């Protein structure tokens, strides 16, 4: 999550040096190195391209920006998510008042049937 926030807030600049239609160097934060062909800009076969991706500056999310439908969804989602972990349910147990029948004779021993 921290890497996602970092990547979305940092501005990225990419420089490319193109010589005779081929990309010779790409650089993310610094100026791209040239190919070593020092010529006049009018007769040069090289070209420099650069583009910048602006990062966002405002990271604080205000609840006033959400419309009513989004607020209802957020509240219902949080409430149902926390109800998944409700462990102290006081539901009635149907086996509390049940007494098993008395064991008069041991059927497994009488019939010689054993689980192996």
Protein backbone atom coordinates (compact mmCIF):
# COMPACT_ATOMS: atom_id res chain seq x y z
CA UNK A 1 0.00 0.00 0.00
CA UNK A 2 2.85 2.34 0.82
CA UNK A 3 4.49 1.67 -2.56
CA UNK A 4 1.21 2.48 -4.32
CA UNK A 5 0.94 5.81 -2.49
CA UNK A 6 4.57 6.59 -3.25
CA UNK A 7 4.22 5.77 -6.95
CA UNK A 8 1.06 7.84 -7.31
CA UNK A 9 2.44 10.96 -5.60
CA UNK A 10 5.87 11.16 -7.28
CA UNK A 11 6.19 12.95 -10.61
CA UNK A 12 7.98 10.86 -13.24
CA UNK A 13 10.05 12.32 -16.09
CA UNK A 14 11.25 10.09 -18.91
CA UNK A 15 13.89 11.30 -21.38
CA UNK A 16 14.67 9.47 -24.63
CA UNK A 17 17.53 10.05 -27.04
CA UNK A 18 16.64 8.89 -30.56
CA UNK A 19 19.31 8.65 -33.26
CA UNK A 20 18.33 7.77 -36.85
CA UNK A 21 14.95 6.44 -35.71
CA UNK A 22 16.38 4.13 -33.06
CA UNK A 23 16.15 4.70 -29.32
CA UNK A 24 19.71 4.97 -28.01
CA UNK A 25 19.13 5.85 -24.33
CA UNK A 26 16.23 6.11 -21.89
CA UNK A 27 16.49 7.80 -18.52
CA UNK A 28 13.88 8.16 -15.79
CA UNK A 29 15.17 10.93 -13.53
CA UNK A 30 18.17 12.44 -15.32
CA UNK A 31 18.95 13.68 -18.81
CA UNK A 32 19.42 10.89 -21.36
CA UNK A 33 22.97 10.45 -22.68
CA UNK A 34 23.58 11.32 -26.31
CA UNK A 35 25.02 8.92 -28.88
CA UNK A 36 28.21 10.93 -29.39
CA UNK A 37 27.35 12.41 -32.78
CA UNK A 38 27.98 16.12 -32.26
CA UNK A 39 26.38 17.91 -35.20
CA UNK A 40 24.38 21.07 -35.76
CA UNK A 41 20.77 20.80 -34.65
CA UNK A 42 19.60 21.67 -38.16
CA UNK A 43 21.47 18.81 -39.83
CA UNK A 44 21.43 16.40 -36.88
CA UNK A 45 19.89 12.98 -37.22
CA UNK A 46 19.30 12.83 -33.46
CA UNK A 47 16.21 13.84 -31.54
CA UNK A 48 15.39 14.29 -27.86
CA UNK A 49 11.97 13.38 -26.47
CA UNK A 50 10.78 13.97 -22.94
CA UNK A 51 7.48 13.50 -21.18
CA UNK A 52 6.42 13.97 -17.58
CA UNK A 53 3.73 12.18 -15.59
CA UNK A 54 2.51 14.47 -12.84
CA UNK A 55 1.81 12.94 -9.44
CA UNK A 56 -1.14 13.95 -7.32
CA UNK A 57 -0.74 16.54 -4.58
CA UNK A 58 -3.96 16.09 -2.59
CA UNK A 59 -4.06 12.82 -0.64
CA UNK A 60 -6.62 13.71 2.01
CA UNK A 61 -10.02 12.23 1.20
CA UNK A 62 -12.92 14.22 2.61
CA UNK A 63 -16.25 12.56 3.32
CA UNK A 64 -18.03 15.62 1.92
CA UNK A 65 -16.86 14.63 -1.57
CA UNK A 66 -18.84 11.35 -1.42
CA UNK A 67 -22.42 11.50 -2.57
CA UNK A 68 -25.21 9.84 -0.58
CA UNK A 69 -25.05 6.53 -2.48
CA UNK A 70 -21.32 6.16 -1.87
CA UNK A 71 -21.73 6.96 1.84
CA UNK A 72 -24.51 4.37 2.22
CA UNK A 73 -22.38 1.75 0.46
CA UNK A 74 -19.34 2.54 2.63
CA UNK A 75 -21.29 2.33 5.89
CA UNK A 76 -23.09 -0.90 4.93
CA UNK A 77 -19.84 -2.51 3.72
CA UNK A 78 -17.99 -1.73 6.95
CA UNK A 79 -20.91 -2.91 9.09
CA UNK A 80 -21.31 -6.24 7.28
CA UNK A 81 -17.54 -6.80 7.24
CA UNK A 82 -17.29 -6.45 11.01
CA UNK A 83 -20.32 -8.69 11.53
CA UNK A 84 -18.37 -11.52 9.89
CA UNK A 85 -16.14 -11.65 12.96
CA UNK A 86 -18.90 -11.56 15.58
CA UNK A 87 -17.91 -14.57 17.71
CA UNK A 88 -19.91 -13.96 20.87
CA UNK A 89 -23.31 -14.92 19.51
CA UNK A 90 -25.83 -15.82 22.18
CA UNK A 91 -27.92 -18.10 19.99
CA UNK A 92 -29.82 -20.90 21.67
CA UNK A 93 -28.14 -24.25 21.72
CA UNK A 94 -30.52 -27.10 21.00
CA UNK A 95 -28.43 -29.73 22.80
CA UNK A 96 -28.29 -28.17 26.28
CA UNK A 97 -31.42 -29.90 27.62
CA UNK A 98 -30.82 -33.19 25.78
CA UNK A 99 -29.78 -36.14 27.88
CA UNK A 100 -28.50 -39.18 25.95
CA UNK A 101 -30.27 -42.47 26.56
CA UNK A 102 -28.74 -44.68 29.23
CA UNK A 103 -26.38 -47.35 28.03
CA UNK A 104 -27.86 -50.64 29.18
CA UNK A 105 -25.45 -52.96 27.43
CA UNK A 106 -22.38 -52.44 25.26
CA UNK A 107 -23.56 -53.50 21.79
CA UNK A 108 -20.09 -53.42 20.20
CA UNK A 109 -18.67 -55.82 22.74
CA UNK A 110 -21.71 -58.13 22.65
CA UNK A 111 -21.69 -58.38 18.84
CA UNK A 112 -17.88 -58.26 18.58
CA UNK A 113 -18.01 -55.30 16.14
CA UNK A 114 -15.03 -53.00 16.44
CA UNK A 115 -13.80 -50.08 14.38
CA UNK A 116 -10.35 -50.68 13.05
